[in-house]
Amino acid sequence: MEADENYQFNAKVYDILDRTYFRKAASSPRTAVISVLGEEPLKVLDMCTGTGVNAFAIAGARRNAKVIGIDISVAMLQKAVAKLEQAGPSNVKLIQMDAANL
């Protein structure tokens, strides 16, 4: 399976897997990261953002943060953009790019 095909498949199930693995907020690494961010204004780069789950969680928890999510996969970012347009936080920007070529 080529990389694009793999991303297209993963984009369909990514959020379901995320909810399965990170359903317990108390033990979630996402919760741990958010808890150490502090309250000061931040700029956060979420590399390999996928469908934006981490970017949206950080942006929602820290409204004074500017969060940029990048991903190489158009399919993953299409999901992220749809979520952002539907009810996403206003402090998130999504960009299609390769994290290896910043």
PDB file of N, CA and C in Angstrom:
ATOM      1  N   MET A   1       0.851  -1.184   0.000  1.00  0.00           N
ATOM      2  CA  MET A   1       0.000   0.000   0.000  1.00  0.00           C
ATOM      3  C   MET A   1       0.892   1.241   0.000  1.00  0.00           C
ATOM      4  N   GLU A   2       0.659   2.154  -0.910  1.00  0.00           N
ATOM      5  CA  GLU A   2       1.435   3.375  -1.002  1.00  0.00           C
ATOM      6  C   GLU A   2       1.083   4.303   0.156  1.00  0.00           C
ATOM      7  N   ALA A   3       1.956   5.275   0.424  1.00  0.00           N
ATOM      8  CA  ALA A   3       1.765   6.189   1.549  1.00  0.00           C
ATOM      9  C   ALA A   3       0.431   6.925   1.460  1.00  0.00           C
ATOM     10  N   ASP A   4       0.088   7.460   0.272  1.00  0.00           N
ATOM     11  CA  ASP A   4      -1.176   8.186   0.136  1.00  0.00           C
ATOM     12  C   ASP A   4      -2.377   7.295   0.430  1.00  0.00           C
ATOM     13  N   GLU A   5      -2.345   6.069  -0.066  1.00  0.00           N
ATOM     14  CA  GLU A   5      -3.446   5.137   0.197  1.00  0.00           C
ATOM     15  C   GLU A   5      -3.538   4.822   1.686  1.00  0.00           C
ATOM     16  N   ASN A   6      -2.396   4.676   2.313  1.00  0.00           N
ATOM     17  CA  ASN A   6      -2.357   4.410   3.745  1.00  0.00           C
ATOM     18  C   ASN A   6      -2.977   5.570   4.528  1.00  0.00           C
ATOM     19  N   TYR A   7      -2.600   6.797   4.183  1.00  0.00           N
ATOM     20  CA  TYR A   7      -3.167   7.970   4.859  1.00  0.00           C
ATOM     21  C   TYR A   7      -4.664   8.078   4.603  1.00  0.00           C
ATOM     22  N   GLN A   8      -5.101   7.777   3.391  1.00  0.00           N
ATOM     23  CA  GLN A   8      -6.530   7.855   3.087  1.00  0.00           C
ATOM     24  C   GLN A   8      -7.317   6.869   3.941  1.00  0.00           C
ATOM     25  N   PHE A   9      -6.785   5.668   4.116  1.00  0.00           N
ATOM     26  CA  PHE A   9      -7.444   4.689   4.980  1.00  0.00           C
ATOM     27  C   PHE A   9      -7.396   5.146   6.434  1.00  0.00           C
ATOM     28  N   ASN A  10      -6.226   5.551   6.890  1.00  0.00           N
ATOM     29  CA  ASN A  10      -6.081   5.968   8.291  1.00  0.00           C
ATOM     30  C   ASN A  10      -6.964   7.151   8.636  1.00  0.00           C
ATOM     31  N   ALA A  11      -7.161   8.055   7.700  1.00  0.00           N
ATOM     32  CA  ALA A  11      -8.007   9.221   7.954  1.00  0.00           C
ATOM     33  C   ALA A  11      -9.438   8.813   8.298  1.00  0.00           C
ATOM     34  N   LYS A  12      -9.880   7.702   7.747  1.00  0.00           N
ATOM     35  CA  LYS A  12     -11.244   7.228   8.004  1.00  0.00           C
ATOM     36  C   LYS A  12     -11.424   6.691   9.416  1.00  0.00           C
ATOM     37  N   VAL A  13     -10.366   6.147  10.003  1.00  0.00           N
ATOM     38  CA  VAL A  13     -10.495   5.485  11.314  1.00  0.00           C
ATOM     39  C   VAL A  13      -9.691   6.159  12.420  1.00  0.00           C
ATOM     40  N   TYR A  14      -8.932   7.194  12.090  1.00  0.00           N
ATOM     41  CA  TYR A  14      -8.013   7.824  13.030  1.00  0.00           C
ATOM     42  C   TYR A  14      -8.703   8.307  14.300  1.00  0.00           C
ATOM     43  N   ASP A  15      -9.808   9.025  14.145  1.00  0.00           N
ATOM     44  CA  ASP A  15     -10.491   9.573  15.325  1.00  0.00           C
ATOM     45  C   ASP A  15     -11.089   8.481  16.208  1.00  0.00           C
ATOM     46  N   ILE A  16     -11.548   7.399  15.610  1.00  0.00           N
ATOM     47  CA  ILE A  16     -12.076   6.277  16.399  1.00  0.00           C
ATOM     48  C   ILE A  16     -10.950   5.648  17.221  1.00  0.00           C
ATOM     49  N   LEU A  17      -9.800   5.431  16.603  1.00  0.00           N
ATOM     50  CA  LEU A  17      -8.659   4.880  17.334  1.00  0.00           C
ATOM     51  C   LEU A  17      -8.195   5.835  18.431  1.00  0.00           C
ATOM     52  N   ASP A  18      -8.189   7.124  18.123  1.00  0.00           N
ATOM     53  CA  ASP A  18      -7.780   8.116  19.116  1.00  0.00           C
ATOM     54  C   ASP A  18      -8.694   8.076  20.342  1.00  0.00           C
ATOM     55  N   ARG A  19      -9.999   8.057  20.101  1.00  0.00           N
ATOM     56  CA  ARG A  19     -10.944   8.006  21.233  1.00  0.00           C
ATOM     57  C   ARG A  19     -10.786   6.714  22.028  1.00  0.00           C
ATOM     58  N   THR A  20     -10.453   5.636  21.361  1.00  0.00           N
ATOM     59  CA  THR A  20     -10.266   4.353  22.031  1.00  0.00           C
ATOM     60  C   THR A  20      -9.036   4.386  22.929  1.00  0.00           C
ATOM     61  N   TYR A  21      -7.922   4.848  22.414  1.00  0.00           N
ATOM     62  CA  TYR A  21      -6.668   4.825  23.160  1.00  0.00           C
ATOM     63  C   TYR A  21      -6.560   5.926  24.208  1.00  0.00           C
ATOM     64  N   PHE A  22      -7.220   7.052  23.999  1.00  0.00           N
ATOM     65  CA  PHE A  22      -7.091   8.189  24.916  1.00  0.00           C
ATOM     66  C   PHE A  22      -8.400   8.519  25.624  1.00  0.00           C
ATOM     67  N   ARG A  23      -9.259   7.532  25.826  1.00  0.00           N
ATOM     68  CA  ARG A  23     -10.571   7.788  26.412  1.00  0.00           C
ATOM     69  C   ARG A  23     -10.509   8.160  27.889  1.00  0.00           C
ATOM     70  N   LYS A  24      -9.473   7.754  28.593  1.00  0.00           N
ATOM     71  CA  LYS A  24      -9.338   8.087  30.005  1.00  0.00           C
ATOM     72  C   LYS A  24      -8.477   9.338  30.140  1.00  0.00           C
ATOM     73  N   ALA A  25      -9.127  10.467  30.364  1.00  0.00           N
ATOM     74  CA  ALA A  25      -8.412  11.743  30.410  1.00  0.00           C
ATOM     75  C   ALA A  25      -7.319  11.756  31.471  1.00  0.00           C
ATOM     76  N   ALA A  26      -7.566  11.118  32.584  1.00  0.00           N
ATOM     77  CA  ALA A  26      -6.600  11.140  33.684  1.00  0.00           C
ATOM     78  C   ALA A  26      -5.270  10.488  33.305  1.00  0.00           C
ATOM     79  N   SER A  27      -5.279   9.506  32.434  1.00  0.00           N
ATOM     80  CA  SER A  27      -4.046   8.820  32.063  1.00  0.00           C
ATOM     81  C   SER A  27      -3.586   9.143  30.635  1.00  0.00           C
ATOM     82  N   SER A  28      -4.229  10.084  29.998  1.00  0.00           N
ATOM     83  CA  SER A  28      -3.904  10.430  28.620  1.00  0.00           C
ATOM     84  C   SER A  28      -2.642  11.294  28.556  1.00  0.00           C
ATOM     85  N   PRO A  29      -1.723  10.954  27.670  1.00  0.00           N
ATOM     86  CA  PRO A  29      -0.549  11.824  27.496  1.00  0.00           C
ATOM     87  C   PRO A  29      -0.946  13.221  27.015  1.00  0.00           C
ATOM     88  N   ARG A  30      -2.049  13.337  26.315  1.00  0.00           N
ATOM     89  CA  ARG A  30      -2.542  14.644  25.864  1.00  0.00           C
ATOM     90  C   ARG A  30      -2.849  15.532  27.067  1.00  0.00           C
ATOM     91  N   THR A  31      -3.497  14.979  28.072  1.00  0.00           N
ATOM     92  CA  THR A  31      -3.809  15.728  29.294  1.00  0.00           C
ATOM     93  C   THR A  31      -2.532  16.158  30.002  1.00  0.00           C
ATOM     94  N   ALA A  32      -1.547  15.276  30.030  1.00  0.00           N
ATOM     95  CA  ALA A  32      -0.271  15.599  30.678  1.00  0.00           C
ATOM     96  C   ALA A  32       0.422  16.758  29.966  1.00  0.00           C
ATOM     97  N   VAL A  33       0.417  16.744  28.644  1.00  0.00           N
ATOM     98  CA  VAL A  33       1.053  17.827  27.889  1.00  0.00           C
ATOM     99  C   VAL A  33       0.334  19.145  28.155  1.00  0.00           C
ATOM    100  N   ILE A  34      -0.972  19.146  28.085  1.00  0.00           N
ATOM    101  CA  ILE A  34      -1.744  20.366  28.297  1.00  0.00           C
ATOM    102  C   ILE A  34      -1.508  20.913  29.705  1.00  0.00           C
ATOM    103  N   SER A  35      -1.366  20.041  30.680  1.00  0.00           N
ATOM    104  CA  SER A  35      -1.206  20.493  32.069  1.00  0.00           C
ATOM    105  C   SER A  35       0.115  21.218  32.323  1.00  0.00           C
ATOM    106  N   VAL A  36       1.124  20.980  31.491  1.00  0.00           N
ATOM    107  CA  VAL A  36       2.415  21.648  31.709  1.00  0.00           C
ATOM    108  C   VAL A  36       2.597  22.893  30.839  1.00  0.00           C
ATOM    109  N   LEU A  37       1.629  23.241  30.031  1.00  0.00           N
ATOM    110  CA  LEU A  37       1.769  24.372  29.132  1.00  0.00           C
ATOM    111  C   LEU A  37       1.719  25.716  29.833  1.00  0.00           C
ATOM    112  N   GLY A  38       1.087  25.788  30.981  1.00  0.00           N
ATOM    113  CA  GLY A  38       0.974  27.060  31.680  1.00  0.00           C
ATOM    114  C   GLY A  38      -0.107  27.931  31.075  1.00  0.00           C
ATOM    115  N   GLU A  39      -0.222  29.144  31.601  1.00  0.00           N
ATOM    116  CA  GLU A  39      -1.289  30.051  31.179  1.00  0.00           C
ATOM    117  C   GLU A  39      -0.803  31.208  30.317  1.00  0.00           C
ATOM    118  N   GLU A  40       0.519  31.357  30.162  1.00  0.00           N
ATOM    119  CA  GLU A  40       1.030  32.457  29.353  1.00  0.00           C
ATOM    120  C   GLU A  40       0.744  32.205  27.877  1.00  0.00           C
ATOM    121  N   PRO A  41       0.700  33.275  27.077  1.00  0.00           N
ATOM    122  CA  PRO A  41       0.476  33.099  25.640  1.00  0.00           C
ATOM    123  C   PRO A  41       1.572  32.226  25.019  1.00  0.00           C
ATOM    124  N   LEU A  42       1.176  31.318  24.163  1.00  0.00           N
ATOM    125  CA  LEU A  42       2.101  30.378  23.547  1.00  0.00           C
ATOM    126  C   LEU A  42       1.886  30.290  22.057  1.00  0.00           C
ATOM    127  N   LYS A  43       2.921  29.843  21.367  1.00  0.00           N
ATOM    128  CA  LYS A  43       2.812  29.418  19.977  1.00  0.00           C
ATOM    129  C   LYS A  43       3.185  27.945  19.977  1.00  0.00           C
ATOM    130  N   VAL A  44       2.273  27.116  19.482  1.00  0.00           N
ATOM    131  CA  VAL A  44       2.469  25.671  19.512  1.00  0.00           C
ATOM    132  C   VAL A  44       2.456  25.134  18.088  1.00  0.00           C
ATOM    133  N   LEU A  45       3.459  24.334  17.754  1.00  0.00           N
ATOM    134  CA  LEU A  45       3.506  23.660  16.462  1.00  0.00           C
ATOM    135  C   LEU A  45       3.183  22.188  16.696  1.00  0.00           C
ATOM    136  N   ASP A  46       2.072  21.741  16.149  1.00  0.00           N
ATOM    137  CA  ASP A  46       1.668  20.345  16.252  1.00  0.00           C
ATOM    138  C   ASP A  46       2.078  19.653  14.952  1.00  0.00           C
ATOM    139  N   MET A  47       3.237  19.023  14.993  1.00  0.00           N
ATOM    140  CA  MET A  47       3.750  18.328  13.811  1.00  0.00           C
ATOM    141  C   MET A  47       3.028  17.000  13.650  1.00  0.00           C
ATOM    142  N   CYS A  48       2.737  16.648  12.404  1.00  0.00           N
ATOM    143  CA  CYS A  48       1.997  15.412  12.105  1.00  0.00           C
ATOM    144  C   CYS A  48       0.642  15.456  12.796  1.00  0.00           C
ATOM    145  N   THR A  49      -0.073  16.530  12.610  1.00  0.00           N
ATOM    146  CA  THR A  49      -1.318  16.795  13.325  1.00  0.00           C
ATOM    147  C   THR A  49      -2.441  15.817  12.991  1.00  0.00           C
ATOM    148  N   GLY A  50      -2.345  15.131  11.869  1.00  0.00           N
ATOM    149  CA  GLY A  50      -3.405  14.178  11.519  1.00  0.00           C
ATOM    150  C   GLY A  50      -4.725  14.888  11.346  1.00  0.00           C
ATOM    151  N   THR A  51      -5.723  14.453  12.065  1.00  0.00           N
ATOM    152  CA  THR A  51      -7.053  15.064  11.982  1.00  0.00           C
ATOM    153  C   THR A  51      -7.224  16.209  12.964  1.00  0.00           C
ATOM    154  N   GLY A  52      -6.123  16.655  13.550  1.00  0.00           N
ATOM    155  CA  GLY A  52      -6.142  17.843  14.401  1.00  0.00           C
ATOM    156  C   GLY A  52      -6.522  17.635  15.854  1.00  0.00           C
ATOM    157  N   VAL A  53      -6.625  16.405  16.294  1.00  0.00           N
ATOM    158  CA  VAL A  53      -7.113  16.131  17.645  1.00  0.00           C
ATOM    159  C   VAL A  53      -6.272  16.839  18.710  1.00  0.00           C
ATOM    160  N   ASN A  54      -4.962  16.704  18.636  1.00  0.00           N
ATOM    161  CA  ASN A  54      -4.105  17.354  19.637  1.00  0.00           C
ATOM    162  C   ASN A  54      -4.141  18.871  19.498  1.00  0.00           C
ATOM    163  N   ALA A  55      -4.081  19.363  18.275  1.00  0.00           N
ATOM    164  CA  ALA A  55      -4.117  20.806  18.054  1.00  0.00           C
ATOM    165  C   ALA A  55      -5.391  21.411  18.624  1.00  0.00           C
ATOM    166  N   PHE A  56      -6.535  20.770  18.388  1.00  0.00           N
ATOM    167  CA  PHE A  56      -7.808  21.289  18.886  1.00  0.00           C
ATOM    168  C   PHE A  56      -7.891  21.201  20.411  1.00  0.00           C
ATOM    169  N   ALA A  57      -7.356  20.127  20.976  1.00  0.00           N
ATOM    170  CA  ALA A  57      -7.377  19.972  22.436  1.00  0.00           C
ATOM    171  C   ALA A  57      -6.540  21.061  23.102  1.00  0.00           C
ATOM    172  N   ILE A  58      -5.356  21.313  22.562  1.00  0.00           N
ATOM    173  CA  ILE A  58      -4.489  22.351  23.125  1.00  0.00           C
ATOM    174  C   ILE A  58      -5.127  23.726  22.956  1.00  0.00           C
ATOM    175  N   ALA A  59      -5.620  24.013  21.765  1.00  0.00           N
ATOM    176  CA  ALA A  59      -6.238  25.309  21.493  1.00  0.00           C
ATOM    177  C   ALA A  59      -7.479  25.541  22.351  1.00  0.00           C
ATOM    178  N   GLY A  60      -8.242  24.493  22.590  1.00  0.00           N
ATOM    179  CA  GLY A  60      -9.435  24.628  23.432  1.00  0.00           C
ATOM    180  C   GLY A  60      -9.099  24.835  24.896  1.00  0.00           C
ATOM    181  N   ALA A  61      -8.053  24.175  25.354  1.00  0.00           N
ATOM    182  CA  ALA A  61      -7.669  24.284  26.758  1.00  0.00           C
ATOM    183  C   ALA A  61      -6.886  25.565  27.047  1.00  0.00           C
ATOM    184  N   ARG A  62      -6.180  26.053  26.060  1.00  0.00           N
ATOM    185  CA  ARG A  62      -5.347  27.257  26.211  1.00  0.00           C
ATOM    186  C   ARG A  62      -5.728  28.260  25.136  1.00  0.00           C
ATOM    187  N   ARG A  63      -6.780  29.022  25.407  1.00  0.00           N
ATOM    188  CA  ARG A  63      -7.324  29.962  24.425  1.00  0.00           C
ATOM    189  C   ARG A  63      -6.329  31.047  24.024  1.00  0.00           C
ATOM    190  N   ASN A  64      -5.324  31.291  24.857  1.00  0.00           N
ATOM    191  CA  ASN A  64      -4.321  32.303  24.523  1.00  0.00           C
ATOM    192  C   ASN A  64      -3.160  31.714  23.730  1.00  0.00           C
ATOM    193  N   ALA A  65      -3.260  30.468  23.345  1.00  0.00           N
ATOM    194  CA  ALA A  65      -2.235  29.818  22.524  1.00  0.00           C
ATOM    195  C   ALA A  65      -2.612  29.939  21.053  1.00  0.00           C
ATOM    196  N   LYS A  66      -1.602  30.124  20.218  1.00  0.00           N
ATOM    197  CA  LYS A  66      -1.783  30.057  18.769  1.00  0.00           C
ATOM    198  C   LYS A  66      -1.216  28.713  18.350  1.00  0.00           C
ATOM    199  N   VAL A  67      -2.066  27.876  17.783  1.00  0.00           N
ATOM    200  CA  VAL A  67      -1.671  26.506  17.446  1.00  0.00           C
ATOM    201  C   VAL A  67      -1.659  26.327  15.931  1.00  0.00           C
ATOM    202  N   ILE A  68      -0.535  25.837  15.428  1.00  0.00           N
ATOM    203  CA  ILE A  68      -0.422  25.514  14.012  1.00  0.00           C
ATOM    204  C   ILE A  68      -0.247  24.009  13.901  1.00  0.00           C
ATOM    205  N   GLY A  69      -1.128  23.379  13.160  1.00  0.00           N
ATOM    206  CA  GLY A  69      -1.036  21.946  12.913  1.00  0.00           C
ATOM    207  C   GLY A  69      -0.570  21.706  11.490  1.00  0.00           C
ATOM    208  N   ILE A  70       0.495  20.914  11.339  1.00  0.00           N
ATOM    209  CA  ILE A  70       0.982  20.587  10.004  1.00  0.00           C
ATOM    210  C   ILE A  70       0.916  19.083   9.785  1.00  0.00           C
ATOM    211  N   ASP A  71       0.666  18.695   8.549  1.00  0.00           N
ATOM    212  CA  ASP A  71       0.654  17.276   8.195  1.00  0.00           C
ATOM    213  C   ASP A  71       0.931  17.146   6.709  1.00  0.00           C
ATOM    214  N   ILE A  72       1.570  16.078   6.346  1.00  0.00           N
ATOM    215  CA  ILE A  72       1.889  15.809   4.939  1.00  0.00           C
ATOM    216  C   ILE A  72       0.673  15.267   4.191  1.00  0.00           C
ATOM    217  N   SER A  73      -0.272  14.676   4.925  1.00  0.00           N
ATOM    218  CA  SER A  73      -1.404  13.988   4.320  1.00  0.00           C
ATOM    219  C   SER A  73      -2.585  14.916   4.060  1.00  0.00           C
ATOM    220  N   VAL A  74      -2.946  15.039   2.792  1.00  0.00           N
ATOM    221  CA  VAL A  74      -4.120  15.825   2.419  1.00  0.00           C
ATOM    222  C   VAL A  74      -5.386  15.202   3.005  1.00  0.00           C
ATOM    223  N   ALA A  75      -5.475  13.879   2.990  1.00  0.00           N
ATOM    224  CA  ALA A  75      -6.667  13.190   3.514  1.00  0.00           C
ATOM    225  C   ALA A  75      -6.863  13.469   5.000  1.00  0.00           C
ATOM    226  N   MET A  76      -5.789  13.414   5.761  1.00  0.00           N
ATOM    227  CA  MET A  76      -5.893  13.704   7.196  1.00  0.00           C
ATOM    228  C   MET A  76      -6.299  15.161   7.414  1.00  0.00           C
ATOM    229  N   LEU A  77      -5.675  16.061   6.693  1.00  0.00           N
ATOM    230  CA  LEU A  77      -5.989  17.475   6.862  1.00  0.00           C
ATOM    231  C   LEU A  77      -7.400  17.822   6.413  1.00  0.00           C
ATOM    232  N   GLN A  78      -7.930  17.112   5.428  1.00  0.00           N
ATOM    233  CA  GLN A  78      -9.322  17.349   5.033  1.00  0.00           C
ATOM    234  C   GLN A  78     -10.255  17.079   6.200  1.00  0.00           C
ATOM    235  N   LYS A  79      -9.969  16.015   6.956  1.00  0.00           N
ATOM    236  CA  LYS A  79     -10.769  15.719   8.158  1.00  0.00           C
ATOM    237  C   LYS A  79     -10.601  16.836   9.188  1.00  0.00           C
ATOM    238  N   ALA A  80      -9.369  17.273   9.391  1.00  0.00           N
ATOM    239  CA  ALA A  80      -9.099  18.330  10.360  1.00  0.00           C
ATOM    240  C   ALA A  80      -9.800  19.629   9.973  1.00  0.00           C
ATOM    241  N   VAL A  81      -9.731  19.990   8.710  1.00  0.00           N
ATOM    242  CA  VAL A  81     -10.370  21.211   8.228  1.00  0.00           C
ATOM    243  C   VAL A  81     -11.880  21.131   8.417  1.00  0.00           C
ATOM    244  N   ALA A  82     -12.475  19.991   8.117  1.00  0.00           N
ATOM    245  CA  ALA A  82     -13.928  19.819   8.297  1.00  0.00           C
ATOM    246  C   ALA A  82     -14.307  20.019   9.760  1.00  0.00           C
ATOM    247  N   LYS A  83     -13.515  19.454  10.666  1.00  0.00           N
ATOM    248  CA  LYS A  83     -13.794  19.634  12.103  1.00  0.00           C
ATOM    249  C   LYS A  83     -13.598  21.084  12.518  1.00  0.00           C
ATOM    250  N   LEU A  84     -12.573  21.713  11.990  1.00  0.00           N
ATOM    251  CA  LEU A  84     -12.293  23.113  12.330  1.00  0.00           C
ATOM    252  C   LEU A  84     -13.427  24.012  11.851  1.00  0.00           C
ATOM    253  N   GLU A  85     -13.908  23.776  10.650  1.00  0.00           N
ATOM    254  CA  GLU A  85     -15.007  24.578  10.105  1.00  0.00           C
ATOM    255  C   GLU A  85     -16.304  24.350  10.860  1.00  0.00           C
ATOM    256  N   GLN A  86     -16.503  23.139  11.363  1.00  0.00           N
ATOM    257  CA  GLN A  86     -17.749  22.808  12.050  1.00  0.00           C
ATOM    258  C   GLN A  86     -17.807  23.430  13.438  1.00  0.00           C
ATOM    259  N   ALA A  87     -16.789  23.241  14.229  1.00  0.00           N
ATOM    260  CA  ALA A  87     -16.858  23.733  15.611  1.00  0.00           C
ATOM    261  C   ALA A  87     -15.479  23.901  16.233  1.00  0.00           C
ATOM    262  N   GLY A  88     -14.493  24.126  15.381  1.00  0.00           N
ATOM    263  CA  GLY A  88     -13.135  24.200  15.890  1.00  0.00           C
ATOM    264  C   GLY A  88     -12.821  25.530  16.537  1.00  0.00           C
ATOM    265  N   PRO A  89     -11.790  25.545  17.349  1.00  0.00           N
ATOM    266  CA  PRO A  89     -11.366  26.795  17.980  1.00  0.00           C
ATOM    267  C   PRO A  89     -10.779  27.753  16.946  1.00  0.00           C
ATOM    268  N   SER A  90     -10.910  29.037  17.195  1.00  0.00           N
ATOM    269  CA  SER A  90     -10.447  30.045  16.237  1.00  0.00           C
ATOM    270  C   SER A  90      -8.937  30.257  16.287  1.00  0.00           C
ATOM    271  N   ASN A  91      -8.267  29.668  17.253  1.00  0.00           N
ATOM    272  CA  ASN A  91      -6.819  29.873  17.405  1.00  0.00           C
ATOM    273  C   ASN A  91      -5.998  28.719  16.835  1.00  0.00           C
ATOM    274  N   VAL A  92      -6.555  28.038  15.814  1.00  0.00           N
ATOM    275  CA  VAL A  92      -5.845  26.944  15.140  1.00  0.00           C
ATOM    276  C   VAL A  92      -5.728  27.268  13.658  1.00  0.00           C
ATOM    277  N   LYS A  93      -4.540  27.006  13.128  1.00  0.00           N
ATOM    278  CA  LYS A  93      -4.298  27.125  11.692  1.00  0.00           C
ATOM    279  C   LYS A  93      -3.746  25.786  11.219  1.00  0.00           C
ATOM    280  N   LEU A  94      -4.224  25.292  10.094  1.00  0.00           N
ATOM    281  CA  LEU A  94      -3.789  24.007   9.553  1.00  0.00           C
ATOM    282  C   LEU A  94      -3.066  24.219   8.230  1.00  0.00           C
ATOM    283  N   ILE A  95      -1.926  23.532   8.070  1.00  0.00           N
ATOM    284  CA  ILE A  95      -1.107  23.687   6.877  1.00  0.00           C
ATOM    285  C   ILE A  95      -0.663  22.315   6.384  1.00  0.00           C
ATOM    286  N   GLN A  96      -0.772  22.097   5.080  1.00  0.00           N
ATOM    287  CA  GLN A  96      -0.281  20.854   4.487  1.00  0.00           C
ATOM    288  C   GLN A  96       1.193  21.046   4.159  1.00  0.00           C
ATOM    289  N   MET A  97       2.042  20.287   4.842  1.00  0.00           N
ATOM    290  CA  MET A  97       3.476  20.327   4.580  1.00  0.00           C
ATOM    291  C   MET A  97       4.164  19.134   5.206  1.00  0.00           C
ATOM    292  N   ASP A  98       5.358  18.886   4.756  1.00  0.00           N
ATOM    293  CA  ASP A  98       6.175  17.773   5.261  1.00  0.00           C
ATOM    294  C   ASP A  98       6.996  18.266   6.447  1.00  0.00           C
ATOM    295  N   ALA A  99       6.803  17.675   7.599  1.00  0.00           N
ATOM    296  CA  ALA A  99       7.527  18.083   8.805  1.00  0.00           C
ATOM    297  C   ALA A  99       9.036  17.887   8.662  1.00  0.00           C
ATOM    298  N   ALA A 100       9.456  17.019   7.766  1.00  0.00           N
ATOM    299  CA  ALA A 100      10.884  16.814   7.549  1.00  0.00           C
ATOM    300  C   ALA A 100      11.511  17.949   6.747  1.00  0.00           C
ATOM    301  N   ASN A 101      10.692  18.807   6.201  1.00  0.00           N
ATOM    302  CA  ASN A 101      11.193  19.922   5.386  1.00  0.00           C
ATOM    303  C   ASN A 101      10.692  21.266   5.913  1.00  0.00           C
ATOM    304  N   LEU A 102      10.897  21.506   7.187  1.00  0.00           N
ATOM    305  CA  LEU A 102      10.476  22.780   7.751  1.00  0.00           C
ATOM    306  C   LEU A 102      11.386  23.889   7.275  1.00  0.00           C
TER     307      LEU A 102
END
